[in-house]
Amino acid sequence: MRKLTALLCMLFIIVCASAQKVVVTGKVTDDKGNTIPAASIKEKNSKNGVMADNNGAFRINVSPGAKLVISATGYTSIEVVASSVVNVELVTENKALSEVVVTAQGIRRRPKELGYSVAKINTQELTNGRSPQIAAGLSGKVSGLVVINANNSVDPAVKITLRGYRSMSGNNDALIVIDGIPQATSTMFNLLNPNDVENISILKGGQAATLYGSQGINGALIVTTKRGQKGKLKVTYSTAYNIEKINIMAQFQDKYGSGSHYAKGFGTAGYKPNYLDRMKDNWRSYENQQFGDAYDGSMRPAGRTLQDSSFLNLPYSPVKNVRKDIWNTGFTYNNQVAFSG
């Protein structure tokens, strides 16, 4: 009788304990609605846990009011309060994406697996200053990378060196590879829209561009452009307004006028001993050199005399900011619209 009573008490305790558990069912998906197989579902501060099946579904018994910690590789883990049905959406962890770089021939590797120096610039860093040229967006972001503008046009030609100057007469430009295709010149690189670039891997080491042969001896810039992604339709709009103005001008003297060596030399007929007279003879209004006499404000002919003997008379005095006024202020509007999905 005593054994029967003890057995009944134990069964009663087990039934009561089981009655305190809550059955939780649900499904784990990503931000695009795709299921996440083998996701981990654990009861917080407990060893109780299960894994989601191939369809992302799970079932777990937890204590009332418990919290569930749901995680998966490559996603940010979250905590939710347990209820009868829990459907969870995990967000992709950006840290996992930044650990992969594109090397020669489009091969993807982790930085710790590489035996040479490599840097990576993503689209956020590239478009941070809203520069209309991709080369200008790279300037100052990678150590050892030198970007030189050959001119100041709207679409300037650029010279990119990555490993310094190795040759006095040969080519020192870094190799540019766009989506796995090596470029003979930087023309296509200049035409790329910075907003269309997903990332740029900069391979500095000599071994980094081994697969490209002698073309990659000066390093390589591996450009990966954006691709369409499956999911909801997204519309992205960005605008930028840039102002370009000359920053530094060379210092020019404004005491003497234009001229060259036109005065008679020493020992020749017509030589004038007074150097001021010789400087006046050196003056020519159409000369680029500055060997004329000192400005005095007198009226002098500007330019050559025409066939009808007419000429333009102007004060012989310096014109303030005559060289700086040649440069206009540049304005650039850049509007971008992108569709994905």
C-alpha atoms as a PDB file:
ATOM      1  CA  MET A   1       0.000   0.000   0.000  1.00  0.00           C
ATOM      2  CA  ARG A   2       2.812   2.345   0.862  1.00  0.00           C
ATOM      3  CA  LYS A   3       4.563   1.608  -2.471  1.00  0.00           C
ATOM      4  CA  LEU A   4       1.355   2.298  -4.400  1.00  0.00           C
ATOM      5  CA  THR A   5       0.886   5.607  -2.595  1.00  0.00           C
ATOM      6  CA  ALA A   6       4.472   6.675  -3.349  1.00  0.00           C
ATOM      7  CA  LEU A   7       4.078   5.712  -7.014  1.00  0.00           C
ATOM      8  CA  LEU A   8       0.894   7.732  -7.340  1.00  0.00           C
ATOM      9  CA  CYS A   9       2.597  10.768  -5.750  1.00  0.00           C
ATOM     10  CA  MET A  10       5.489  10.551  -8.208  1.00  0.00           C
ATOM     11  CA  LEU A  11       3.107  10.316 -11.168  1.00  0.00           C
ATOM     12  CA  PHE A  12       1.194  13.302  -9.850  1.00  0.00           C
ATOM     13  CA  ILE A  13       4.397  15.368  -9.592  1.00  0.00           C
ATOM     14  CA  ILE A  14       5.477  14.406 -13.145  1.00  0.00           C
ATOM     15  CA  VAL A  15       2.064  15.307 -14.566  1.00  0.00           C
ATOM     16  CA  CYS A  16       2.108  18.662 -12.784  1.00  0.00           C
ATOM     17  CA  ALA A  17       5.616  19.384 -14.035  1.00  0.00           C
ATOM     18  CA  SER A  18       4.619  18.491 -17.585  1.00  0.00           C
ATOM     19  CA  ALA A  19       1.561  20.683 -17.328  1.00  0.00           C
ATOM     20  CA  GLN A  20       3.809  23.685 -16.635  1.00  0.00           C
ATOM     21  CA  LYS A  21       5.614  23.347 -20.012  1.00  0.00           C
ATOM     22  CA  VAL A  22       4.482  25.379 -23.051  1.00  0.00           C
ATOM     23  CA  VAL A  23       4.656  23.936 -26.562  1.00  0.00           C
ATOM     24  CA  VAL A  24       6.070  26.477 -29.026  1.00  0.00           C
ATOM     25  CA  THR A  25       5.943  25.973 -32.783  1.00  0.00           C
ATOM     26  CA  GLY A  26       7.115  28.297 -35.519  1.00  0.00           C
ATOM     27  CA  LYS A  27       9.231  28.947 -38.589  1.00  0.00           C
ATOM     28  CA  VAL A  28      12.544  30.729 -39.202  1.00  0.00           C
ATOM     29  CA  THR A  29      13.014  32.780 -42.413  1.00  0.00           C
ATOM     30  CA  ASP A  30      15.358  35.498 -43.676  1.00  0.00           C
ATOM     31  CA  ASP A  31      14.515  39.082 -44.654  1.00  0.00           C
ATOM     32  CA  LYS A  32      13.642  37.925 -48.178  1.00  0.00           C
ATOM     33  CA  GLY A  33      11.159  35.271 -47.027  1.00  0.00           C
ATOM     34  CA  ASN A  34      13.462  32.275 -47.648  1.00  0.00           C
ATOM     35  CA  THR A  35      13.470  29.537 -45.007  1.00  0.00           C
ATOM     36  CA  ILE A  36      16.609  28.981 -42.918  1.00  0.00           C
ATOM     37  CA  PRO A  37      17.305  25.260 -42.342  1.00  0.00           C
ATOM     38  CA  ALA A  38      19.181  24.093 -39.212  1.00  0.00           C
ATOM     39  CA  ALA A  39      18.551  27.320 -37.320  1.00  0.00           C
ATOM     40  CA  SER A  40      19.208  27.054 -33.575  1.00  0.00           C
ATOM     41  CA  ILE A  41      16.319  27.636 -31.134  1.00  0.00           C
ATOM     42  CA  LYS A  42      17.332  27.654 -27.458  1.00  0.00           C
ATOM     43  CA  GLU A  43      15.592  28.514 -24.241  1.00  0.00           C
ATOM     44  CA  LYS A  44      17.531  31.356 -22.598  1.00  0.00           C
ATOM     45  CA  ASN A  45      19.528  30.454 -19.487  1.00  0.00           C
ATOM     46  CA  SER A  46      18.821  26.764 -20.105  1.00  0.00           C
ATOM     47  CA  LYS A  47      20.290  23.795 -21.948  1.00  0.00           C
ATOM     48  CA  ASN A  48      16.937  23.163 -23.615  1.00  0.00           C
ATOM     49  CA  GLY A  49      17.145  23.631 -27.381  1.00  0.00           C
ATOM     50  CA  VAL A  50      16.257  22.263 -30.804  1.00  0.00           C
ATOM     51  CA  MET A  51      17.186  22.819 -34.439  1.00  0.00           C
ATOM     52  CA  ALA A  52      14.875  23.816 -37.275  1.00  0.00           C
ATOM     53  CA  ASP A  53      14.209  21.272 -40.011  1.00  0.00           C
ATOM     54  CA  ASN A  54      14.922  21.704 -43.729  1.00  0.00           C
ATOM     55  CA  ASN A  55      11.829  23.902 -44.077  1.00  0.00           C
ATOM     56  CA  GLY A  56      12.854  26.159 -41.180  1.00  0.00           C
ATOM     57  CA  ALA A  57      10.066  24.799 -38.913  1.00  0.00           C
ATOM     58  CA  PHE A  58      10.643  23.914 -35.260  1.00  0.00           C
ATOM     59  CA  ARG A  59       8.830  22.649 -32.127  1.00  0.00           C
ATOM     60  CA  ILE A  60      10.088  23.066 -28.574  1.00  0.00           C
ATOM     61  CA  ASN A  61       8.732  22.720 -25.013  1.00  0.00           C
ATOM     62  CA  VAL A  62       9.684  25.615 -22.733  1.00  0.00           C
ATOM     63  CA  SER A  63       8.687  27.057 -19.388  1.00  0.00           C
ATOM     64  CA  PRO A  64       5.895  29.671 -19.339  1.00  0.00           C
ATOM     65  CA  GLY A  65       7.234  33.201 -19.910  1.00  0.00           C
ATOM     66  CA  ALA A  66      10.610  31.922 -21.112  1.00  0.00           C
ATOM     67  CA  LYS A  67      12.636  33.684 -23.797  1.00  0.00           C
ATOM     68  CA  LEU A  68      13.888  31.995 -26.940  1.00  0.00           C
ATOM     69  CA  VAL A  69      17.274  32.763 -28.497  1.00  0.00           C
ATOM     70  CA  ILE A  70      17.138  32.074 -32.243  1.00  0.00           C
ATOM     71  CA  SER A  71      20.332  32.142 -34.307  1.00  0.00           C
ATOM     72  CA  ALA A  72      21.875  30.849 -37.549  1.00  0.00           C
ATOM     73  CA  THR A  73      25.229  31.077 -39.273  1.00  0.00           C
ATOM     74  CA  GLY A  74      25.541  34.350 -41.192  1.00  0.00           C
ATOM     75  CA  TYR A  75      22.531  35.958 -39.457  1.00  0.00           C
ATOM     76  CA  THR A  76      22.097  38.191 -36.422  1.00  0.00           C
ATOM     77  CA  SER A  77      20.613  36.291 -33.467  1.00  0.00           C
ATOM     78  CA  ILE A  78      17.472  37.625 -31.766  1.00  0.00           C
ATOM     79  CA  GLU A  79      15.486  37.008 -28.581  1.00  0.00           C
ATOM     80  CA  VAL A  80      11.700  36.590 -28.483  1.00  0.00           C
ATOM     81  CA  VAL A  81       9.190  35.819 -25.734  1.00  0.00           C
ATOM     82  CA  ALA A  82       7.826  32.283 -26.008  1.00  0.00           C
ATOM     83  CA  SER A  83       4.221  31.859 -27.126  1.00  0.00           C
ATOM     84  CA  SER A  84       2.222  29.148 -28.843  1.00  0.00           C
ATOM     85  CA  VAL A  85       3.319  30.270 -32.338  1.00  0.00           C
ATOM     86  CA  VAL A  86       6.597  32.113 -33.028  1.00  0.00           C
ATOM     87  CA  ASN A  87       7.540  33.021 -36.599  1.00  0.00           C
ATOM     88  CA  VAL A  88      10.943  34.694 -36.738  1.00  0.00           C
ATOM     89  CA  GLU A  89      12.699  36.695 -39.484  1.00  0.00           C
ATOM     90  CA  LEU A  90      16.509  36.872 -39.198  1.00  0.00           C
ATOM     91  CA  VAL A  91      18.607  39.646 -40.749  1.00  0.00           C
ATOM     92  CA  THR A  92      21.821  38.923 -42.648  1.00  0.00           C
ATOM     93  CA  GLU A  93      24.922  39.743 -40.630  1.00  0.00           C
ATOM     94  CA  ASN A  94      27.082  42.275 -42.535  1.00  0.00           C
ATOM     95  CA  LYS A  95      30.199  41.168 -40.705  1.00  0.00           C
ATOM     96  CA  ALA A  96      30.174  37.873 -42.553  1.00  0.00           C
ATOM     97  CA  LEU A  97      30.042  39.618 -45.933  1.00  0.00           C
ATOM     98  CA  SER A  98      33.036  41.843 -45.236  1.00  0.00           C
ATOM     99  CA  GLU A  99      35.301  38.850 -44.558  1.00  0.00           C
ATOM    100  CA  VAL A 100      35.451  37.814 -48.230  1.00  0.00           C
ATOM    101  CA  VAL A 101      37.558  39.576 -50.883  1.00  0.00           C
ATOM    102  CA  VAL A 102      37.801  38.975 -54.643  1.00  0.00           C
ATOM    103  CA  THR A 103      41.291  38.061 -55.851  1.00  0.00           C
ATOM    104  CA  ALA A 104      42.687  37.313 -59.309  1.00  0.00           C
ATOM    105  CA  GLN A 105      40.337  35.720 -61.854  1.00  0.00           C
ATOM    106  CA  GLY A 106      37.369  36.423 -59.550  1.00  0.00           C
ATOM    107  CA  ILE A 107      38.430  33.858 -56.907  1.00  0.00           C
ATOM    108  CA  ARG A 108      36.899  34.643 -53.504  1.00  0.00           C
ATOM    109  CA  ARG A 109      39.092  34.227 -50.441  1.00  0.00           C
ATOM    110  CA  ARG A 110      39.089  35.216 -46.795  1.00  0.00           C
ATOM    111  CA  PRO A 111      41.768  37.815 -45.894  1.00  0.00           C
ATOM    112  CA  LYS A 112      43.486  35.468 -43.426  1.00  0.00           C
ATOM    113  CA  GLU A 113      43.929  32.880 -46.193  1.00  0.00           C
ATOM    114  CA  LEU A 114      45.942  35.286 -48.356  1.00  0.00           C
ATOM    115  CA  GLY A 115      49.703  35.577 -48.258  1.00  0.00           C
ATOM    116  CA  TYR A 116      49.827  39.118 -49.642  1.00  0.00           C
ATOM    117  CA  SER A 117      48.490  42.575 -48.869  1.00  0.00           C
ATOM    118  CA  VAL A 118      44.907  43.270 -49.930  1.00  0.00           C
ATOM    119  CA  ALA A 119      42.429  46.049 -49.217  1.00  0.00           C
ATOM    120  CA  LYS A 120      38.719  46.266 -49.942  1.00  0.00           C
ATOM    121  CA  ILE A 121      36.548  49.323 -50.605  1.00  0.00           C
ATOM    122  CA  ASN A 122      32.766  48.853 -50.521  1.00  0.00           C
ATOM    123  CA  THR A 123      30.171  50.987 -52.257  1.00  0.00           C
ATOM    124  CA  GLN A 124      29.423  53.020 -49.114  1.00  0.00           C
ATOM    125  CA  GLU A 125      33.056  54.114 -48.781  1.00  0.00           C
ATOM    126  CA  LEU A 126      33.378  54.734 -52.514  1.00  0.00           C
ATOM    127  CA  THR A 127      30.333  57.036 -52.730  1.00  0.00           C
ATOM    128  CA  ASN A 128      30.830  58.738 -49.381  1.00  0.00           C
ATOM    129  CA  GLY A 129      31.896  62.055 -50.915  1.00  0.00           C
ATOM    130  CA  ARG A 130      29.432  61.777 -53.825  1.00  0.00           C
ATOM    131  CA  SER A 131      32.219  62.126 -56.377  1.00  0.00           C
ATOM    132  CA  PRO A 132      31.027  61.695 -59.989  1.00  0.00           C
ATOM    133  CA  GLN A 133      34.267  59.870 -60.901  1.00  0.00           C
ATOM    134  CA  ILE A 134      35.186  56.506 -59.429  1.00  0.00           C
ATOM    135  CA  ALA A 135      38.911  57.368 -59.350  1.00  0.00           C
ATOM    136  CA  ALA A 136      38.258  60.453 -57.215  1.00  0.00           C
ATOM    137  CA  GLY A 137      36.236  58.287 -54.832  1.00  0.00           C
ATOM    138  CA  LEU A 138      39.267  56.021 -54.317  1.00  0.00           C
ATOM    139  CA  SER A 139      41.675  58.860 -53.614  1.00  0.00           C
ATOM    140  CA  GLY A 140      42.968  58.845 -50.037  1.00  0.00           C
ATOM    141  CA  LYS A 141      41.220  55.598 -49.035  1.00  0.00           C
ATOM    142  CA  VAL A 142      43.995  53.052 -49.626  1.00  0.00           C
ATOM    143  CA  SER A 143      47.585  53.349 -48.472  1.00  0.00           C
ATOM    144  CA  GLY A 144      50.029  53.366 -51.373  1.00  0.00           C
ATOM    145  CA  LEU A 145      47.341  54.111 -53.979  1.00  0.00           C
ATOM    146  CA  VAL A 146      48.065  57.315 -55.915  1.00  0.00           C
ATOM    147  CA  VAL A 147      45.400  58.806 -58.194  1.00  0.00           C
ATOM    148  CA  ILE A 148      46.555  61.622 -60.507  1.00  0.00           C
ATOM    149  CA  ASN A 149      44.190  63.604 -62.736  1.00  0.00           C
ATOM    150  CA  ALA A 150      45.766  64.209 -66.142  1.00  0.00           C
ATOM    151  CA  ASN A 151      43.339  67.086 -66.791  1.00  0.00           C
ATOM    152  CA  ASN A 152      40.430  68.897 -65.176  1.00  0.00           C
ATOM    153  CA  SER A 153      37.667  68.162 -67.674  1.00  0.00           C
ATOM    154  CA  VAL A 154      34.227  66.846 -66.771  1.00  0.00           C
ATOM    155  CA  ASP A 155      35.468  63.318 -67.516  1.00  0.00           C
ATOM    156  CA  PRO A 156      39.186  63.605 -66.678  1.00  0.00           C
ATOM    157  CA  ALA A 157      41.780  61.047 -67.668  1.00  0.00           C
ATOM    158  CA  VAL A 158      43.464  59.542 -64.601  1.00  0.00           C
ATOM    159  CA  LYS A 159      46.731  57.796 -63.844  1.00  0.00           C
ATOM    160  CA  ILE A 160      46.632  55.181 -61.073  1.00  0.00           C
ATOM    161  CA  THR A 161      49.804  53.834 -59.466  1.00  0.00           C
ATOM    162  CA  LEU A 162      49.698  51.297 -56.654  1.00  0.00           C
ATOM    163  CA  ARG A 163      53.203  50.080 -55.972  1.00  0.00           C
ATOM    164  CA  GLY A 164      55.168  53.222 -56.762  1.00  0.00           C
ATOM    165  CA  TYR A 165      57.262  53.899 -59.850  1.00  0.00           C
ATOM    166  CA  ARG A 166      59.129  50.755 -60.850  1.00  0.00           C
ATOM    167  CA  SER A 167      60.325  51.962 -64.253  1.00  0.00           C
ATOM    168  CA  MET A 168      61.620  55.253 -65.631  1.00  0.00           C
ATOM    169  CA  SER A 169      60.364  54.552 -69.153  1.00  0.00           C
ATOM    170  CA  GLY A 170      57.871  51.682 -68.859  1.00  0.00           C
ATOM    171  CA  ASN A 171      54.278  51.497 -67.679  1.00  0.00           C
ATOM    172  CA  ASN A 172      53.725  51.995 -63.945  1.00  0.00           C
ATOM    173  CA  ASP A 173      49.912  51.940 -63.931  1.00  0.00           C
ATOM    174  CA  ALA A 174      48.036  49.382 -61.868  1.00  0.00           C
ATOM    175  CA  LEU A 175      46.063  46.751 -63.769  1.00  0.00           C
ATOM    176  CA  ILE A 176      42.300  47.333 -63.733  1.00  0.00           C
ATOM    177  CA  VAL A 177      40.008  44.290 -63.889  1.00  0.00           C
ATOM    178  CA  ILE A 178      36.251  44.807 -64.252  1.00  0.00           C
ATOM    179  CA  ASP A 179      34.101  41.729 -63.527  1.00  0.00           C
ATOM    180  CA  GLY A 180      37.007  39.424 -64.368  1.00  0.00           C
ATOM    181  CA  ILE A 181      38.013  41.158 -67.616  1.00  0.00           C
ATOM    182  CA  PRO A 182      41.422  42.930 -67.605  1.00  0.00           C
ATOM    183  CA  GLN A 183      41.356  46.389 -69.155  1.00  0.00           C
ATOM    184  CA  ALA A 184      44.174  47.583 -71.417  1.00  0.00           C
ATOM    185  CA  THR A 185      43.540  51.225 -70.462  1.00  0.00           C
ATOM    186  CA  SER A 186      41.672  53.120 -67.752  1.00  0.00           C
ATOM    187  CA  THR A 187      38.986  54.312 -70.199  1.00  0.00           C
ATOM    188  CA  MET A 188      36.264  51.901 -69.046  1.00  0.00           C
ATOM    189  CA  PHE A 189      37.249  52.513 -65.417  1.00  0.00           C
ATOM    190  CA  ASN A 190      36.611  56.239 -65.871  1.00  0.00           C
ATOM    191  CA  LEU A 191      33.215  55.574 -67.444  1.00  0.00           C
ATOM    192  CA  LEU A 192      31.988  53.434 -64.533  1.00  0.00           C
ATOM    193  CA  ASN A 193      29.305  54.925 -62.318  1.00  0.00           C
ATOM    194  CA  PRO A 194      30.446  54.733 -58.656  1.00  0.00           C
ATOM    195  CA  ASN A 195      26.893  53.788 -57.636  1.00  0.00           C
ATOM    196  CA  ASP A 196      27.068  50.697 -59.880  1.00  0.00           C
ATOM    197  CA  VAL A 197      30.142  49.299 -58.101  1.00  0.00           C
ATOM    198  CA  GLU A 198      29.610  46.731 -55.344  1.00  0.00           C
ATOM    199  CA  ASN A 199      33.227  46.674 -54.129  1.00  0.00           C
ATOM    200  CA  ILE A 200      36.833  47.084 -55.248  1.00  0.00           C
ATOM    201  CA  SER A 201      39.595  44.765 -54.064  1.00  0.00           C
ATOM    202  CA  ILE A 202      43.070  46.306 -54.222  1.00  0.00           C
ATOM    203  CA  LEU A 203      45.798  43.683 -54.598  1.00  0.00           C
ATOM    204  CA  LYS A 204      49.148  45.173 -53.684  1.00  0.00           C
ATOM    205  CA  GLY A 205      51.509  42.222 -53.415  1.00  0.00           C
ATOM    206  CA  GLY A 206      53.580  40.845 -56.266  1.00  0.00           C
ATOM    207  CA  GLN A 207      51.890  37.457 -55.872  1.00  0.00           C
ATOM    208  CA  ALA A 208      48.412  39.002 -55.915  1.00  0.00           C
ATOM    209  CA  ALA A 209      48.283  39.378 -59.682  1.00  0.00           C
ATOM    210  CA  THR A 210      50.321  36.332 -60.666  1.00  0.00           C
ATOM    211  CA  LEU A 211      47.507  34.966 -62.808  1.00  0.00           C
ATOM    212  CA  TYR A 212      47.521  38.147 -64.904  1.00  0.00           C
ATOM    213  CA  GLY A 213      51.168  37.767 -65.917  1.00  0.00           C
ATOM    214  CA  SER A 214      53.333  40.806 -66.569  1.00  0.00           C
ATOM    215  CA  GLN A 215      50.238  43.031 -66.739  1.00  0.00           C
ATOM    216  CA  GLY A 216      49.741  42.723 -62.990  1.00  0.00           C
ATOM    217  CA  ILE A 217      53.302  43.447 -61.916  1.00  0.00           C
ATOM    218  CA  ASN A 218      52.246  46.895 -60.632  1.00  0.00           C
ATOM    219  CA  GLY A 219      49.330  45.518 -58.599  1.00  0.00           C
ATOM    220  CA  ALA A 220      45.690  45.242 -59.566  1.00  0.00           C
ATOM    221  CA  LEU A 221      42.296  46.835 -58.872  1.00  0.00           C
ATOM    222  CA  ILE A 222      39.566  44.173 -59.032  1.00  0.00           C
ATOM    223  CA  VAL A 223      36.206  45.875 -59.624  1.00  0.00           C
ATOM    224  CA  THR A 224      32.995  43.962 -58.940  1.00  0.00           C
ATOM    225  CA  THR A 225      29.820  45.620 -60.187  1.00  0.00           C
ATOM    226  CA  LYS A 226      26.381  45.229 -58.658  1.00  0.00           C
ATOM    227  CA  ARG A 227      24.010  42.503 -59.773  1.00  0.00           C
ATOM    228  CA  GLY A 228      20.263  42.123 -59.576  1.00  0.00           C
ATOM    229  CA  GLN A 229      18.890  40.531 -56.417  1.00  0.00           C
ATOM    230  CA  LYS A 230      15.751  38.480 -56.021  1.00  0.00           C
ATOM    231  CA  GLY A 231      13.188  39.915 -53.651  1.00  0.00           C
ATOM    232  CA  LYS A 232      10.869  42.837 -53.229  1.00  0.00           C
ATOM    233  CA  LEU A 233      11.065  45.727 -55.672  1.00  0.00           C
ATOM    234  CA  LYS A 234      13.328  48.497 -54.357  1.00  0.00           C
ATOM    235  CA  VAL A 235      13.797  51.937 -55.826  1.00  0.00           C
ATOM    236  CA  THR A 236      16.886  53.910 -54.807  1.00  0.00           C
ATOM    237  CA  TYR A 237      17.375  57.576 -55.634  1.00  0.00           C
ATOM    238  CA  SER A 238      20.406  59.708 -54.879  1.00  0.00           C
ATOM    239  CA  THR A 239      21.475  63.182 -55.881  1.00  0.00           C
ATOM    240  CA  ALA A 240      24.720  65.099 -55.563  1.00  0.00           C
ATOM    241  CA  TYR A 241      25.774  68.648 -56.315  1.00  0.00           C
ATOM    242  CA  ASN A 242      29.512  69.360 -56.608  1.00  0.00           C
ATOM    243  CA  ILE A 243      31.269  72.711 -56.905  1.00  0.00           C
ATOM    244  CA  GLU A 244      34.800  72.893 -58.304  1.00  0.00           C
ATOM    245  CA  LYS A 245      36.921  75.980 -57.843  1.00  0.00           C
ATOM    246  CA  ILE A 246      40.638  76.550 -58.298  1.00  0.00           C
ATOM    247  CA  ASN A 247      42.443  76.276 -54.990  1.00  0.00           C
ATOM    248  CA  ILE A 248      46.079  77.287 -55.495  1.00  0.00           C
ATOM    249  CA  MET A 249      47.560  79.648 -58.093  1.00  0.00           C
ATOM    250  CA  ALA A 250      51.236  80.173 -58.796  1.00  0.00           C
ATOM    251  CA  GLN A 251      52.626  83.478 -57.598  1.00  0.00           C
ATOM    252  CA  PHE A 252      53.374  85.968 -60.410  1.00  0.00           C
ATOM    253  CA  GLN A 253      55.095  89.335 -60.176  1.00  0.00           C
ATOM    254  CA  ASP A 254      53.060  92.460 -61.041  1.00  0.00           C
ATOM    255  CA  LYS A 255      55.875  95.032 -61.232  1.00  0.00           C
ATOM    256  CA  TYR A 256      57.286  94.494 -64.741  1.00  0.00           C
ATOM    257  CA  GLY A 257      55.549  94.099 -68.080  1.00  0.00           C
ATOM    258  CA  SER A 258      55.930  91.502 -70.836  1.00  0.00           C
ATOM    259  CA  GLY A 259      59.017  91.434 -73.026  1.00  0.00           C
ATOM    260  CA  SER A 260      62.087  89.529 -74.082  1.00  0.00           C
ATOM    261  CA  HIS A 261      65.672  90.237 -75.204  1.00  0.00           C
ATOM    262  CA  TYR A 262      65.066  92.777 -77.966  1.00  0.00           C
ATOM    263  CA  ALA A 263      67.447  95.553 -76.821  1.00  0.00           C
ATOM    264  CA  LYS A 264      70.827  95.890 -78.552  1.00  0.00           C
ATOM    265  CA  GLY A 265      73.596  93.944 -76.880  1.00  0.00           C
ATOM    266  CA  PHE A 266      76.848  95.329 -75.513  1.00  0.00           C
ATOM    267  CA  GLY A 267      79.360  96.164 -78.219  1.00  0.00           C
ATOM    268  CA  THR A 268      76.744  96.421 -80.997  1.00  0.00           C
ATOM    269  CA  ALA A 269      75.465  99.507 -82.760  1.00  0.00           C
ATOM    270  CA  GLY A 270      72.638 101.234 -80.899  1.00  0.00           C
ATOM    271  CA  TYR A 271      73.564  99.797 -77.473  1.00  0.00           C
ATOM    272  CA  LYS A 272      72.145 101.905 -74.598  1.00  0.00           C
ATOM    273  CA  PRO A 273      74.227 102.076 -71.419  1.00  0.00           C
ATOM    274  CA  ASN A 274      71.217 102.805 -69.182  1.00  0.00           C
ATOM    275  CA  TYR A 275      69.547  99.513 -68.194  1.00  0.00           C
ATOM    276  CA  LEU A 276      66.150 101.230 -67.837  1.00  0.00           C
ATOM    277  CA  ASP A 277      66.320 102.219 -71.506  1.00  0.00           C
ATOM    278  CA  ARG A 278      67.259  98.654 -72.445  1.00  0.00           C
ATOM    279  CA  MET A 279      64.310  97.259 -70.451  1.00  0.00           C
ATOM    280  CA  LYS A 280      61.977  99.614 -72.302  1.00  0.00           C
ATOM    281  CA  ASP A 281      63.359  98.346 -75.623  1.00  0.00           C
ATOM    282  CA  ASN A 282      62.755  94.774 -74.446  1.00  0.00           C
ATOM    283  CA  TRP A 283      59.023  95.444 -73.978  1.00  0.00           C
ATOM    284  CA  ARG A 284      56.575  93.791 -76.345  1.00  0.00           C
ATOM    285  CA  SER A 285      52.868  93.535 -75.528  1.00  0.00           C
ATOM    286  CA  TYR A 286      52.549  90.133 -77.201  1.00  0.00           C
ATOM    287  CA  GLU A 287      55.427  88.438 -75.337  1.00  0.00           C
ATOM    288  CA  ASN A 288      54.845  85.768 -72.645  1.00  0.00           C
ATOM    289  CA  GLN A 289      58.119  86.469 -70.837  1.00  0.00           C
ATOM    290  CA  GLN A 290      58.311  89.142 -68.177  1.00  0.00           C
ATOM    291  CA  PHE A 291      61.413  91.104 -69.248  1.00  0.00           C
ATOM    292  CA  GLY A 292      59.785  94.463 -70.004  1.00  0.00           C
ATOM    293  CA  ASP A 293      60.274  97.703 -68.120  1.00  0.00           C
ATOM    294  CA  ALA A 294      58.398  98.568 -64.907  1.00  0.00           C
ATOM    295  CA  TYR A 295      54.695  99.442 -65.090  1.00  0.00           C
ATOM    296  CA  ASP A 296      54.160 103.226 -65.113  1.00  0.00           C
ATOM    297  CA  GLY A 297      50.494 103.613 -66.143  1.00  0.00           C
ATOM    298  CA  SER A 298      51.284 105.269 -69.476  1.00  0.00           C
ATOM    299  CA  MET A 299      49.209 104.578 -72.586  1.00  0.00           C
ATOM    300  CA  ARG A 300      50.823 101.996 -74.863  1.00  0.00           C
ATOM    301  CA  PRO A 301      49.657  99.974 -77.867  1.00  0.00           C
ATOM    302  CA  ALA A 302      48.419  96.453 -76.983  1.00  0.00           C
ATOM    303  CA  GLY A 303      49.182  93.840 -79.622  1.00  0.00           C
ATOM    304  CA  ARG A 304      50.386  94.327 -83.153  1.00  0.00           C
ATOM    305  CA  THR A 305      49.540  97.177 -85.513  1.00  0.00           C
ATOM    306  CA  LEU A 306      46.919  96.188 -88.088  1.00  0.00           C
ATOM    307  CA  GLN A 307      47.206  96.644 -91.874  1.00  0.00           C
ATOM    308  CA  ASP A 308      45.216  99.888 -91.724  1.00  0.00           C
ATOM    309  CA  SER A 309      47.773 101.227 -89.188  1.00  0.00           C
ATOM    310  CA  SER A 310      45.229 101.046 -86.330  1.00  0.00           C
ATOM    311  CA  PHE A 311      46.124  99.701 -82.889  1.00  0.00           C
ATOM    312  CA  LEU A 312      44.608  99.368 -79.422  1.00  0.00           C
ATOM    313  CA  ASN A 313      45.871 101.762 -76.777  1.00  0.00           C
ATOM    314  CA  LEU A 314      45.690 100.575 -73.139  1.00  0.00           C
ATOM    315  CA  PRO A 315      47.221 101.722 -69.822  1.00  0.00           C
ATOM    316  CA  TYR A 316      50.572 100.078 -69.127  1.00  0.00           C
ATOM    317  CA  SER A 317      49.620  98.688 -65.705  1.00  0.00           C
ATOM    318  CA  PRO A 318      48.978  95.236 -64.162  1.00  0.00           C
ATOM    319  CA  VAL A 319      45.490  93.712 -64.305  1.00  0.00           C
ATOM    320  CA  LYS A 320      44.410  92.265 -60.971  1.00  0.00           C
ATOM    321  CA  ASN A 321      43.656  88.485 -60.975  1.00  0.00           C
ATOM    322  CA  VAL A 322      44.131  88.335 -64.757  1.00  0.00           C
ATOM    323  CA  ARG A 323      45.163  84.670 -64.615  1.00  0.00           C
ATOM    324  CA  LYS A 324      42.760  83.543 -61.897  1.00  0.00           C
ATOM    325  CA  ASP A 325      39.777  85.015 -63.734  1.00  0.00           C
ATOM    326  CA  ILE A 326      40.424  82.623 -66.617  1.00  0.00           C
ATOM    327  CA  TRP A 327      39.101  79.771 -64.469  1.00  0.00           C
ATOM    328  CA  ASN A 328      35.368  79.500 -64.051  1.00  0.00           C
ATOM    329  CA  THR A 329      33.632  77.806 -61.135  1.00  0.00           C
ATOM    330  CA  GLY A 330      32.525  74.309 -62.162  1.00  0.00           C
ATOM    331  CA  PHE A 331      29.139  72.859 -61.206  1.00  0.00           C
ATOM    332  CA  THR A 332      28.170  69.185 -61.457  1.00  0.00           C
ATOM    333  CA  TYR A 333      24.702  67.709 -60.885  1.00  0.00           C
ATOM    334  CA  ASN A 334      24.539  63.934 -60.450  1.00  0.00           C
ATOM    335  CA  ASN A 335      21.138  62.221 -60.167  1.00  0.00           C
ATOM    336  CA  GLN A 336      20.924  58.435 -59.873  1.00  0.00           C
ATOM    337  CA  VAL A 337      17.881  56.121 -59.947  1.00  0.00           C
ATOM    338  CA  ALA A 338      18.271  52.364 -59.386  1.00  0.00           C
ATOM    339  CA  PHE A 339      15.721  49.534 -59.451  1.00  0.00           C
ATOM    340  CA  SER A 340      16.254  46.088 -57.946  1.00  0.00           C
ATOM    341  CA  GLY A 341      14.047  43.130 -57.194  1.00  0.00           C
END
